[in-house]
Amino acid sequence: MKQKFDIIQSTCVPLPFENIDTDQIIPARFLKATTNDQAFFGENLFRDWRYRPDGSKNEDFVLNNPKFSGEILVAGKNFGSGSSREHAAWAIAGYGFRVVISSFFADIHKNNELNNFVLPVEVSPAFLQSIFDEIAKDPKTELKVDVPAQSVTILSTGKSEKFQINGYKKYCLMNAMDDIDYLLGQKSKIEAWESSKR
């Protein structure tokens, strides 16, 4: 869903596991779907962790725990490894997450998130652990993700850390633009350049 990114302040959903791959994010059987509706994929985010084989909810999984909610998913190192399926980013966005924080992202998945209006925030392992520690103490812990300043802050402690983001992608997120929107916005410049080359 296209929406402008500025400052996102929210509680978090903690998922402190390393090497979460795209098949765990959205199982391969959902790739056969004939829709790219993010809501459909969001309903099946972490499907095999959220539900038992008989279809009943796994009450031990964090997404089924009413203590945890918010627009920020906090995950362990090496998030989004495995296949390059864009469906994983669709599922994260469709569930309602706007930000994913980890200490390392698989490159292709990181770009898929950016292309689907989910902000991947890469922080140091120590800062990531601080976030997990604060959420463990208080599930209502809030983070402030400041996109213009490229910083993330744990509001309960004041600890803050900067993160990196490609300048072009930052511009697109802050203006709710995908690649096509950006190109259309440059139409007059493109036409002027083409005319100059004739």
C-alpha atoms as a PDB file:
ATOM      1  CA  MET A   1       0.000   0.000   0.000  1.00  0.00           C
ATOM      2  CA  LYS A   2       1.428   3.363  -1.006  1.00  0.00           C
ATOM      3  CA  GLN A   3       1.740   5.725   1.935  1.00  0.00           C
ATOM      4  CA  LYS A   4       4.232   8.409   2.842  1.00  0.00           C
ATOM      5  CA  PHE A   5       6.982   7.568   5.300  1.00  0.00           C
ATOM      6  CA  ASP A   6       8.035  10.198   7.798  1.00  0.00           C
ATOM      7  CA  ILE A   7       8.114   9.304  11.497  1.00  0.00           C
ATOM      8  CA  ILE A   8       6.672   5.959  12.503  1.00  0.00           C
ATOM      9  CA  GLN A   9       6.106   5.470  16.228  1.00  0.00           C
ATOM     10  CA  SER A  10       4.702   2.122  17.254  1.00  0.00           C
ATOM     11  CA  THR A  11       4.789  -0.868  19.535  1.00  0.00           C
ATOM     12  CA  CYS A  12       6.511  -3.932  18.096  1.00  0.00           C
ATOM     13  CA  VAL A  13       6.135  -7.614  17.371  1.00  0.00           C
ATOM     14  CA  PRO A  14       9.320  -9.470  18.400  1.00  0.00           C
ATOM     15  CA  LEU A  15      10.538 -12.479  16.424  1.00  0.00           C
ATOM     16  CA  PRO A  16      13.995 -13.185  17.867  1.00  0.00           C
ATOM     17  CA  PHE A  17      14.955 -16.001  15.497  1.00  0.00           C
ATOM     18  CA  GLU A  18      17.872 -15.930  13.074  1.00  0.00           C
ATOM     19  CA  ASN A  19      17.800 -17.016   9.424  1.00  0.00           C
ATOM     20  CA  ILE A  20      14.059 -16.573   8.887  1.00  0.00           C
ATOM     21  CA  ASP A  21      13.708 -17.407   5.207  1.00  0.00           C
ATOM     22  CA  THR A  22      11.068 -16.464   2.678  1.00  0.00           C
ATOM     23  CA  ASP A  23       9.460 -19.920   2.815  1.00  0.00           C
ATOM     24  CA  GLN A  24       8.783 -19.368   6.506  1.00  0.00           C
ATOM     25  CA  ILE A  25       7.485 -15.867   5.813  1.00  0.00           C
ATOM     26  CA  ILE A  26       5.081 -17.155   3.131  1.00  0.00           C
ATOM     27  CA  PRO A  27       5.094 -20.906   2.364  1.00  0.00           C
ATOM     28  CA  ALA A  28       5.714 -21.971  -1.235  1.00  0.00           C
ATOM     29  CA  ARG A  29       2.181 -23.321  -1.753  1.00  0.00           C
ATOM     30  CA  PHE A  30       0.836 -19.760  -1.698  1.00  0.00           C
ATOM     31  CA  LEU A  31       2.930 -18.839  -4.721  1.00  0.00           C
ATOM     32  CA  LYS A  32       0.316 -20.629  -6.839  1.00  0.00           C
ATOM     33  CA  ALA A  33      -2.261 -17.967  -5.928  1.00  0.00           C
ATOM     34  CA  THR A  34      -3.754 -16.124  -8.898  1.00  0.00           C
ATOM     35  CA  THR A  35      -3.810 -12.806  -7.029  1.00  0.00           C
ATOM     36  CA  ASN A  36      -1.194 -10.331  -5.880  1.00  0.00           C
ATOM     37  CA  ASP A  37      -3.571  -8.907  -3.281  1.00  0.00           C
ATOM     38  CA  GLN A  38      -1.388  -8.061  -0.292  1.00  0.00           C
ATOM     39  CA  ALA A  39      -4.270  -8.648   2.135  1.00  0.00           C
ATOM     40  CA  PHE A  40      -4.516 -12.273   0.986  1.00  0.00           C
ATOM     41  CA  PHE A  41      -0.822 -12.841   1.576  1.00  0.00           C
ATOM     42  CA  GLY A  42      -0.953 -10.927   4.864  1.00  0.00           C
ATOM     43  CA  GLU A  43      -3.553 -13.364   6.141  1.00  0.00           C
ATOM     44  CA  ASN A  44      -1.047 -16.143   5.489  1.00  0.00           C
ATOM     45  CA  LEU A  45       2.080 -14.461   6.842  1.00  0.00           C
ATOM     46  CA  PHE A  46       4.082 -17.080   8.786  1.00  0.00           C
ATOM     47  CA  ARG A  47       1.198 -19.454   8.060  1.00  0.00           C
ATOM     48  CA  ASP A  48       2.938 -22.637   9.209  1.00  0.00           C
ATOM     49  CA  TRP A  49       4.042 -21.002  12.453  1.00  0.00           C
ATOM     50  CA  ARG A  50       0.702 -19.331  13.179  1.00  0.00           C
ATOM     51  CA  TYR A  51      -1.436 -22.424  12.571  1.00  0.00           C
ATOM     52  CA  ARG A  52      -1.162 -26.106  13.315  1.00  0.00           C
ATOM     53  CA  PRO A  53      -1.659 -28.718  10.572  1.00  0.00           C
ATOM     54  CA  ASP A  54      -5.323 -29.098  11.613  1.00  0.00           C
ATOM     55  CA  GLY A  55      -5.901 -25.363  11.034  1.00  0.00           C
ATOM     56  CA  SER A  56      -6.123 -24.397  14.704  1.00  0.00           C
ATOM     57  CA  LYS A  57      -4.177 -21.402  15.959  1.00  0.00           C
ATOM     58  CA  ASN A  58      -0.798 -21.953  17.543  1.00  0.00           C
ATOM     59  CA  GLU A  59      -1.330 -19.824  20.641  1.00  0.00           C
ATOM     60  CA  ASP A  60       2.401 -19.918  21.418  1.00  0.00           C
ATOM     61  CA  PHE A  61       3.319 -17.979  18.276  1.00  0.00           C
ATOM     62  CA  VAL A  62       3.864 -14.271  18.760  1.00  0.00           C
ATOM     63  CA  LEU A  63       1.376 -13.109  16.091  1.00  0.00           C
ATOM     64  CA  ASN A  64      -1.344 -14.936  18.013  1.00  0.00           C
ATOM     65  CA  ASN A  65      -0.366 -13.315  21.310  1.00  0.00           C
ATOM     66  CA  PRO A  66      -2.591 -10.275  22.042  1.00  0.00           C
ATOM     67  CA  LYS A  67       0.208  -8.732  24.153  1.00  0.00           C
ATOM     68  CA  PHE A  68       2.108  -7.889  20.986  1.00  0.00           C
ATOM     69  CA  SER A  69       0.988  -5.654  18.145  1.00  0.00           C
ATOM     70  CA  GLY A  70       2.137  -2.721  16.056  1.00  0.00           C
ATOM     71  CA  GLU A  71       3.512  -1.648  12.715  1.00  0.00           C
ATOM     72  CA  ILE A  72       7.090  -2.733  13.460  1.00  0.00           C
ATOM     73  CA  LEU A  73       8.383  -6.307  13.194  1.00  0.00           C
ATOM     74  CA  VAL A  74      11.671  -6.911  15.010  1.00  0.00           C
ATOM     75  CA  ALA A  75      13.465 -10.007  13.739  1.00  0.00           C
ATOM     76  CA  GLY A  76      16.743 -11.813  14.229  1.00  0.00           C
ATOM     77  CA  LYS A  77      19.811 -11.728  11.994  1.00  0.00           C
ATOM     78  CA  ASN A  78      19.629 -12.701   8.302  1.00  0.00           C
ATOM     79  CA  PHE A  79      15.963 -11.947   7.719  1.00  0.00           C
ATOM     80  CA  GLY A  80      14.481 -12.878   4.331  1.00  0.00           C
ATOM     81  CA  SER A  81      17.077 -15.369   3.178  1.00  0.00           C
ATOM     82  CA  GLY A  82      16.212 -18.154   0.754  1.00  0.00           C
ATOM     83  CA  SER A  83      14.248 -17.644  -2.453  1.00  0.00           C
ATOM     84  CA  SER A  84      13.712 -14.267  -4.085  1.00  0.00           C
ATOM     85  CA  ARG A  85       9.892 -14.461  -3.975  1.00  0.00           C
ATOM     86  CA  GLU A  86       8.332 -11.023  -3.786  1.00  0.00           C
ATOM     87  CA  HIS A  87       5.316 -12.662  -2.145  1.00  0.00           C
ATOM     88  CA  ALA A  88       7.198 -12.516   1.168  1.00  0.00           C
ATOM     89  CA  ALA A  89       7.254  -8.717   1.040  1.00  0.00           C
ATOM     90  CA  TRP A  90       3.583  -8.705  -0.029  1.00  0.00           C
ATOM     91  CA  ALA A  91       2.739 -10.779   3.055  1.00  0.00           C
ATOM     92  CA  ILE A  92       4.621  -8.486   5.432  1.00  0.00           C
ATOM     93  CA  ALA A  93       2.975  -5.391   3.956  1.00  0.00           C
ATOM     94  CA  GLY A  94      -0.424  -7.073   3.786  1.00  0.00           C
ATOM     95  CA  TYR A  95      -0.315  -7.955   7.468  1.00  0.00           C
ATOM     96  CA  GLY A  96       0.198  -4.296   8.306  1.00  0.00           C
ATOM     97  CA  PHE A  97       3.892  -4.026   9.076  1.00  0.00           C
ATOM     98  CA  ARG A  98       5.503  -0.831   7.770  1.00  0.00           C
ATOM     99  CA  VAL A  99       8.957  -1.431   9.240  1.00  0.00           C
ATOM    100  CA  VAL A 100      11.106  -4.531   9.752  1.00  0.00           C
ATOM    101  CA  ILE A 101      14.147  -4.197  11.999  1.00  0.00           C
ATOM    102  CA  SER A 102      16.995  -6.717  11.931  1.00  0.00           C
ATOM    103  CA  SER A 103      20.784  -6.778  12.163  1.00  0.00           C
ATOM    104  CA  PHE A 104      21.057  -8.166   8.614  1.00  0.00           C
ATOM    105  CA  PHE A 105      18.743  -8.613   5.618  1.00  0.00           C
ATOM    106  CA  ALA A 106      19.106 -10.774   2.542  1.00  0.00           C
ATOM    107  CA  ASP A 107      19.722  -8.290  -0.294  1.00  0.00           C
ATOM    108  CA  ILE A 108      16.925  -9.370  -2.650  1.00  0.00           C
ATOM    109  CA  HIS A 109      14.338  -9.473   0.118  1.00  0.00           C
ATOM    110  CA  LYS A 110      15.494  -6.077   1.377  1.00  0.00           C
ATOM    111  CA  ASN A 111      14.863  -4.577  -2.059  1.00  0.00           C
ATOM    112  CA  ASN A 112      11.512  -6.364  -2.345  1.00  0.00           C
ATOM    113  CA  GLU A 113      10.437  -4.770   0.938  1.00  0.00           C
ATOM    114  CA  LEU A 114      11.454  -1.308  -0.260  1.00  0.00           C
ATOM    115  CA  ASN A 115       9.556  -1.820  -3.515  1.00  0.00           C
ATOM    116  CA  ASN A 116       6.426  -2.721  -1.539  1.00  0.00           C
ATOM    117  CA  PHE A 117       6.487   0.174   0.933  1.00  0.00           C
ATOM    118  CA  VAL A 118       8.011  -1.714   3.839  1.00  0.00           C
ATOM    119  CA  LEU A 119      11.103  -0.103   5.360  1.00  0.00           C
ATOM    120  CA  PRO A 120      13.935  -2.529   6.242  1.00  0.00           C
ATOM    121  CA  VAL A 121      15.999  -0.999   9.060  1.00  0.00           C
ATOM    122  CA  GLU A 122      19.377  -2.615   9.639  1.00  0.00           C
ATOM    123  CA  VAL A 123      20.872  -1.994  13.087  1.00  0.00           C
ATOM    124  CA  SER A 124      23.850  -3.328  14.999  1.00  0.00           C
ATOM    125  CA  PRO A 125      23.496  -6.690  16.794  1.00  0.00           C
ATOM    126  CA  ALA A 126      23.908  -4.939  20.148  1.00  0.00           C
ATOM    127  CA  PHE A 127      21.164  -2.408  19.427  1.00  0.00           C
ATOM    128  CA  LEU A 128      18.876  -5.161  18.135  1.00  0.00           C
ATOM    129  CA  GLN A 129      19.386  -7.060  21.393  1.00  0.00           C
ATOM    130  CA  SER A 130      18.547  -3.897  23.340  1.00  0.00           C
ATOM    131  CA  ILE A 131      15.236  -3.698  21.492  1.00  0.00           C
ATOM    132  CA  PHE A 132      14.441  -7.345  22.259  1.00  0.00           C
ATOM    133  CA  ASP A 133      15.379  -6.798  25.922  1.00  0.00           C
ATOM    134  CA  GLU A 134      13.072  -3.799  26.280  1.00  0.00           C
ATOM    135  CA  ILE A 135      10.153  -5.579  24.613  1.00  0.00           C
ATOM    136  CA  ALA A 136      10.688  -8.569  26.936  1.00  0.00           C
ATOM    137  CA  LYS A 137      10.425  -6.219  29.912  1.00  0.00           C
ATOM    138  CA  ASP A 138       7.389  -4.401  28.533  1.00  0.00           C
ATOM    139  CA  PRO A 139       5.422  -5.558  25.461  1.00  0.00           C
ATOM    140  CA  LYS A 140       4.134  -1.990  25.097  1.00  0.00           C
ATOM    141  CA  THR A 141       7.630  -0.682  24.403  1.00  0.00           C
ATOM    142  CA  GLU A 142       7.527   1.789  21.522  1.00  0.00           C
ATOM    143  CA  LEU A 143      10.124   2.588  18.893  1.00  0.00           C
ATOM    144  CA  LYS A 144      10.362   5.772  16.872  1.00  0.00           C
ATOM    145  CA  VAL A 145      11.637   5.303  13.349  1.00  0.00           C
ATOM    146  CA  ASP A 146      12.552   8.692  11.916  1.00  0.00           C
ATOM    147  CA  VAL A 147      12.937   8.266   8.159  1.00  0.00           C
ATOM    148  CA  PRO A 148      14.183  11.814   7.368  1.00  0.00           C
ATOM    149  CA  ALA A 149      16.837  11.541  10.102  1.00  0.00           C
ATOM    150  CA  GLN A 150      17.464   7.848   9.369  1.00  0.00           C
ATOM    151  CA  SER A 151      17.351   6.928  13.046  1.00  0.00           C
ATOM    152  CA  VAL A 152      15.535   4.478  15.280  1.00  0.00           C
ATOM    153  CA  THR A 153      14.994   5.213  18.976  1.00  0.00           C
ATOM    154  CA  ILE A 154      13.839   3.064  21.875  1.00  0.00           C
ATOM    155  CA  LEU A 155      11.541   5.531  23.610  1.00  0.00           C
ATOM    156  CA  SER A 156      11.712   3.896  27.040  1.00  0.00           C
ATOM    157  CA  THR A 157      15.509   4.250  27.247  1.00  0.00           C
ATOM    158  CA  GLY A 158      16.310   7.001  24.753  1.00  0.00           C
ATOM    159  CA  LYS A 159      18.856   4.767  23.049  1.00  0.00           C
ATOM    160  CA  SER A 160      19.115   5.601  19.380  1.00  0.00           C
ATOM    161  CA  GLU A 161      20.972   4.391  16.330  1.00  0.00           C
ATOM    162  CA  LYS A 162      21.300   5.576  12.747  1.00  0.00           C
ATOM    163  CA  PHE A 163      20.475   3.344   9.782  1.00  0.00           C
ATOM    164  CA  GLN A 164      21.363   3.478   6.096  1.00  0.00           C
ATOM    165  CA  ILE A 165      18.959   3.699   3.185  1.00  0.00           C
ATOM    166  CA  ASN A 166      19.475   4.269  -0.520  1.00  0.00           C
ATOM    167  CA  GLY A 167      18.780   7.943  -1.266  1.00  0.00           C
ATOM    168  CA  TYR A 168      16.485   7.202  -4.186  1.00  0.00           C
ATOM    169  CA  LYS A 169      14.425   4.693  -2.195  1.00  0.00           C
ATOM    170  CA  LYS A 170      14.235   7.128   0.711  1.00  0.00           C
ATOM    171  CA  TYR A 171      12.862   9.799  -1.622  1.00  0.00           C
ATOM    172  CA  CYS A 172      10.286   7.367  -3.023  1.00  0.00           C
ATOM    173  CA  LEU A 173       9.126   6.203   0.416  1.00  0.00           C
ATOM    174  CA  MET A 174       8.835   9.737   1.756  1.00  0.00           C
ATOM    175  CA  ASN A 175       6.746  10.721  -1.261  1.00  0.00           C
ATOM    176  CA  ALA A 176       4.678   7.495  -1.557  1.00  0.00           C
ATOM    177  CA  MET A 177       6.079   6.841  -5.023  1.00  0.00           C
ATOM    178  CA  ASP A 178       7.023   3.610  -6.729  1.00  0.00           C
ATOM    179  CA  ASP A 179       9.466   3.469  -9.657  1.00  0.00           C
ATOM    180  CA  ILE A 180       6.758   4.165 -12.229  1.00  0.00           C
ATOM    181  CA  ASP A 181       5.430   7.137 -10.257  1.00  0.00           C
ATOM    182  CA  TYR A 182       8.960   8.531 -10.111  1.00  0.00           C
ATOM    183  CA  LEU A 183       9.495   8.137 -13.844  1.00  0.00           C
ATOM    184  CA  LEU A 184       6.157   9.776 -14.627  1.00  0.00           C
ATOM    185  CA  GLY A 185       7.209  12.684 -12.435  1.00  0.00           C
ATOM    186  CA  GLN A 186      10.301  13.056 -14.583  1.00  0.00           C
ATOM    187  CA  LYS A 187       8.336  12.960 -17.848  1.00  0.00           C
ATOM    188  CA  SER A 188       8.955  16.578 -18.844  1.00  0.00           C
ATOM    189  CA  LYS A 189      12.702  16.217 -18.218  1.00  0.00           C
ATOM    190  CA  ILE A 190      12.828  12.995 -20.204  1.00  0.00           C
ATOM    191  CA  GLU A 191      10.957  14.568 -23.102  1.00  0.00           C
ATOM    192  CA  ALA A 192      13.237  17.614 -23.023  1.00  0.00           C
ATOM    193  CA  TRP A 193      16.333  15.394 -23.098  1.00  0.00           C
ATOM    194  CA  GLU A 194      14.925  13.360 -25.996  1.00  0.00           C
ATOM    195  CA  SER A 195      14.157  16.538 -27.931  1.00  0.00           C
ATOM    196  CA  SER A 196      17.711  17.780 -27.396  1.00  0.00           C
ATOM    197  CA  LYS A 197      19.111  14.625 -28.976  1.00  0.00           C
ATOM    198  CA  ARG A 198      17.137  14.834 -32.188  1.00  0.00           C
END
